[in-house]
Amino acid sequence: MILTCVMFSLNIHAQIQSNSVESAQAIYLYNFTKYIDWSVSNLSNSDFVISVIGTYNEYNEIKKYMSEKKVINRPIKVVQVKDLNEMTRSEIVFLPGNKYKLISQIREKFSDANILFVTDNYMALKNGSCINFWMNEDKLAFELNKTNIEKQKLRLSVSLLNTAKTQTL
């Protein structure tokens, strides 16, 4: 089923027209925080933590974009994870490329956490990702897996559900 919501898409598109894919991903990640509900009692600590598994480019762009932003009145802390043994509890975990294969290990390590897993690999939604980025012609789009989101005990707004280019229920 293909669903679109012009308002959300136009807002994001206007912000990213002249930016890189990594910048667009950062903007989307922040906007997802407005449409996903984490139980306040389950938030990790005083910071809202976004972990980036992998490359410096994604980490750098996300950190730069989030530098002054807050979620649920908490400052956003962006951390780059090079070794899962050093990973701390996070609200969002971004796994670019083939890093989606680490989702089950992260889920096992943080079994009581409500983590939004975000990826950019077409295989990821079948392997535990909640939201997946993909290129729709020359524009960044996203798809979501509602079942995976619910497994993480996150609540999804209807607005985000209707904005996804595709969804898996």
Protein backbone atom coordinates (compact mmCIF):
# COMPACT_ATOMS: atom_id res chain seq x y z
CA MET A 1 0.00 0.00 0.00
CA ILE A 2 1.45 3.35 -0.99
CA LEU A 3 0.56 6.37 1.09
CA THR A 4 1.74 9.94 0.80
CA CYS A 5 1.24 13.12 2.74
CA VAL A 6 2.12 16.24 0.81
CA MET A 7 2.57 18.62 3.75
CA PHE A 8 5.26 16.61 5.60
CA SER A 9 7.08 15.73 2.39
CA LEU A 10 7.11 19.29 1.08
CA ASN A 11 8.40 20.61 4.39
CA ILE A 12 11.31 18.17 4.37
CA HIS A 13 11.95 18.58 0.63
CA ALA A 14 12.21 22.36 0.99
CA GLN A 15 14.83 21.96 3.72
CA ILE A 16 17.01 19.47 1.84
CA GLN A 17 16.98 20.62 -1.77
CA SER A 18 20.57 21.81 -1.71
CA ASN A 19 21.92 19.46 0.97
CA SER A 20 23.51 16.03 0.92
CA VAL A 21 21.72 12.75 1.55
CA GLU A 22 23.32 12.65 5.01
CA SER A 23 21.91 16.10 5.81
CA ALA A 24 18.47 15.00 4.65
CA GLN A 25 18.69 11.90 6.84
CA ALA A 26 19.53 14.10 9.83
CA ILE A 27 16.50 16.31 9.18
CA TYR A 28 14.24 13.28 8.87
CA LEU A 29 15.62 11.73 12.07
CA TYR A 30 14.79 14.86 14.01
CA ASN A 31 11.33 15.08 12.48
CA PHE A 32 10.63 11.43 13.35
CA THR A 33 10.99 12.39 17.02
CA LYS A 34 7.89 14.55 16.64
CA TYR A 35 5.76 11.65 15.40
CA ILE A 36 6.97 8.75 17.57
CA ASP A 37 6.01 8.48 21.21
CA TRP A 38 8.55 7.04 23.64
CA SER A 39 7.17 6.32 27.06
CA VAL A 40 8.79 9.06 29.16
CA SER A 41 9.48 6.56 31.95
CA ASN A 42 11.55 4.44 29.53
CA LEU A 43 13.84 7.20 28.27
CA SER A 44 17.49 6.38 28.87
CA ASN A 45 18.65 9.35 30.96
CA SER A 46 18.70 13.12 30.90
CA ASP A 47 19.73 13.18 27.23
CA PHE A 48 17.79 11.91 24.24
CA VAL A 49 20.42 9.63 22.69
CA ILE A 50 20.85 8.95 18.97
CA SER A 51 23.50 6.34 18.22
CA VAL A 52 25.02 6.17 14.75
CA ILE A 53 26.59 2.84 13.88
CA GLY A 54 29.27 3.20 11.27
CA THR A 55 30.68 5.90 9.10
CA TYR A 56 31.85 9.35 10.03
CA ASN A 57 29.82 11.16 7.32
CA GLU A 58 26.44 10.16 8.74
CA TYR A 59 27.56 10.74 12.31
CA ASN A 60 29.03 14.16 11.53
CA GLU A 61 25.93 15.42 9.68
CA ILE A 62 23.52 14.13 12.33
CA LYS A 63 25.59 15.58 15.18
CA LYS A 64 25.85 18.95 13.43
CA TYR A 65 22.11 19.15 12.74
CA MET A 66 21.10 18.06 16.25
CA SER A 67 23.53 20.32 18.12
CA GLU A 68 20.97 22.77 19.53
CA LYS A 69 17.83 20.62 19.34
CA LYS A 70 15.78 18.97 22.07
CA VAL A 71 13.28 16.13 22.25
CA ILE A 72 10.74 16.01 25.07
CA ASN A 73 12.66 18.88 26.70
CA ARG A 74 15.85 16.81 26.70
CA PRO A 75 19.00 17.78 24.81
CA ILE A 76 19.93 15.45 21.97
CA LYS A 77 23.21 13.61 22.35
CA VAL A 78 24.57 12.00 19.17
CA VAL A 79 27.16 9.28 19.63
CA GLN A 80 29.17 7.33 17.08
CA VAL A 81 29.33 3.62 17.84
CA LYS A 82 32.29 1.70 16.50
CA ASP A 83 32.02 -1.28 18.85
CA LEU A 84 28.69 -2.65 20.14
CA ASN A 85 30.34 -3.53 23.45
CA GLU A 86 30.75 0.20 24.11
CA MET A 87 27.23 1.16 23.04
CA THR A 88 24.97 2.76 25.63
CA ARG A 89 21.20 2.78 25.73
CA SER A 90 19.68 4.94 22.99
CA GLU A 91 16.28 6.13 21.81
CA ILE A 92 17.22 6.06 18.10
CA VAL A 93 19.83 3.86 16.46
CA PHE A 94 20.78 4.68 12.88
CA LEU A 95 22.40 1.77 11.03
CA PRO A 96 23.54 2.78 7.52
CA GLY A 97 24.41 0.29 4.78
CA ASN A 98 24.65 -3.34 5.81
CA LYS A 99 24.85 -2.43 9.52
CA TYR A 100 21.14 -3.36 9.78
CA LYS A 101 22.42 -6.90 10.44
CA LEU A 102 23.32 -5.72 13.96
CA ILE A 103 19.71 -4.97 14.96
CA SER A 104 19.12 -8.33 16.65
CA GLN A 105 22.32 -7.99 18.71
CA ILE A 106 21.36 -4.48 19.83
CA ARG A 107 17.83 -5.62 20.65
CA GLU A 108 19.25 -8.45 22.76
CA LYS A 109 21.67 -6.15 24.59
CA PHE A 110 18.97 -3.55 25.34
CA SER A 111 15.91 -5.80 25.61
CA ASP A 112 14.05 -3.43 27.93
CA ALA A 113 14.66 -0.31 25.80
CA ASN A 114 12.26 1.28 23.33
CA ILE A 115 14.56 1.84 20.36
CA LEU A 116 13.61 3.28 16.99
CA PHE A 117 15.85 1.46 14.48
CA VAL A 118 16.43 3.52 11.32
CA THR A 119 18.31 2.14 8.30
CA ASP A 120 19.02 2.80 4.63
CA ASN A 121 19.09 -0.71 3.13
CA TYR A 122 16.20 -2.29 1.23
CA MET A 123 16.58 -5.55 3.22
CA ALA A 124 16.37 -3.87 6.61
CA LEU A 125 12.59 -3.73 7.18
CA LYS A 126 12.48 -7.52 6.91
CA ASN A 127 15.24 -7.73 9.51
CA GLY A 128 13.92 -5.58 12.34
CA SER A 129 14.25 -1.99 11.14
CA CYS A 130 11.41 0.36 12.06
CA ILE A 131 12.04 3.01 9.40
CA ASN A 132 14.14 2.69 6.27
CA PHE A 133 15.43 5.46 3.99
CA TRP A 134 15.52 4.94 0.23
CA MET A 135 16.03 7.05 -2.85
CA ASN A 136 12.87 7.70 -4.86
CA GLU A 137 14.38 8.91 -8.14
CA ASP A 138 16.57 11.74 -6.83
CA LYS A 139 14.68 12.39 -3.57
CA LEU A 140 15.14 10.79 -0.18
CA ALA A 141 12.02 8.97 0.99
CA PHE A 142 11.24 6.59 3.83
CA GLU A 143 9.24 3.46 4.42
CA LEU A 144 8.23 1.95 7.71
CA ASN A 145 7.33 -1.34 9.31
CA LYS A 146 4.49 -0.76 11.76
CA THR A 147 4.89 -4.20 13.34
CA ASN A 148 8.58 -3.59 14.10
CA ILE A 149 7.73 -0.21 15.62
CA GLU A 150 5.09 -1.80 17.85
CA LYS A 151 7.54 -4.56 18.88
CA GLN A 152 9.75 -1.78 20.23
CA LYS A 153 6.78 -0.52 22.28
CA LEU A 154 6.80 2.79 20.46
CA ARG A 155 3.64 4.60 19.46
CA LEU A 156 3.41 5.84 15.92
CA SER A 157 1.33 8.86 14.95
CA VAL A 158 -1.11 8.51 12.09
CA SER A 159 0.59 11.49 10.41
CA LEU A 160 3.88 9.63 10.13
CA LEU A 161 2.14 6.45 9.00
CA ASN A 162 0.36 8.37 6.25
CA THR A 163 3.57 10.13 5.19
CA ALA A 164 5.61 6.98 4.55
CA LYS A 165 6.00 6.16 0.86
CA THR A 166 5.41 2.49 1.64
CA GLN A 167 4.61 0.57 4.77
CA THR A 168 4.67 -2.97 5.99
CA LEU A 169 2.04 -3.87 8.54
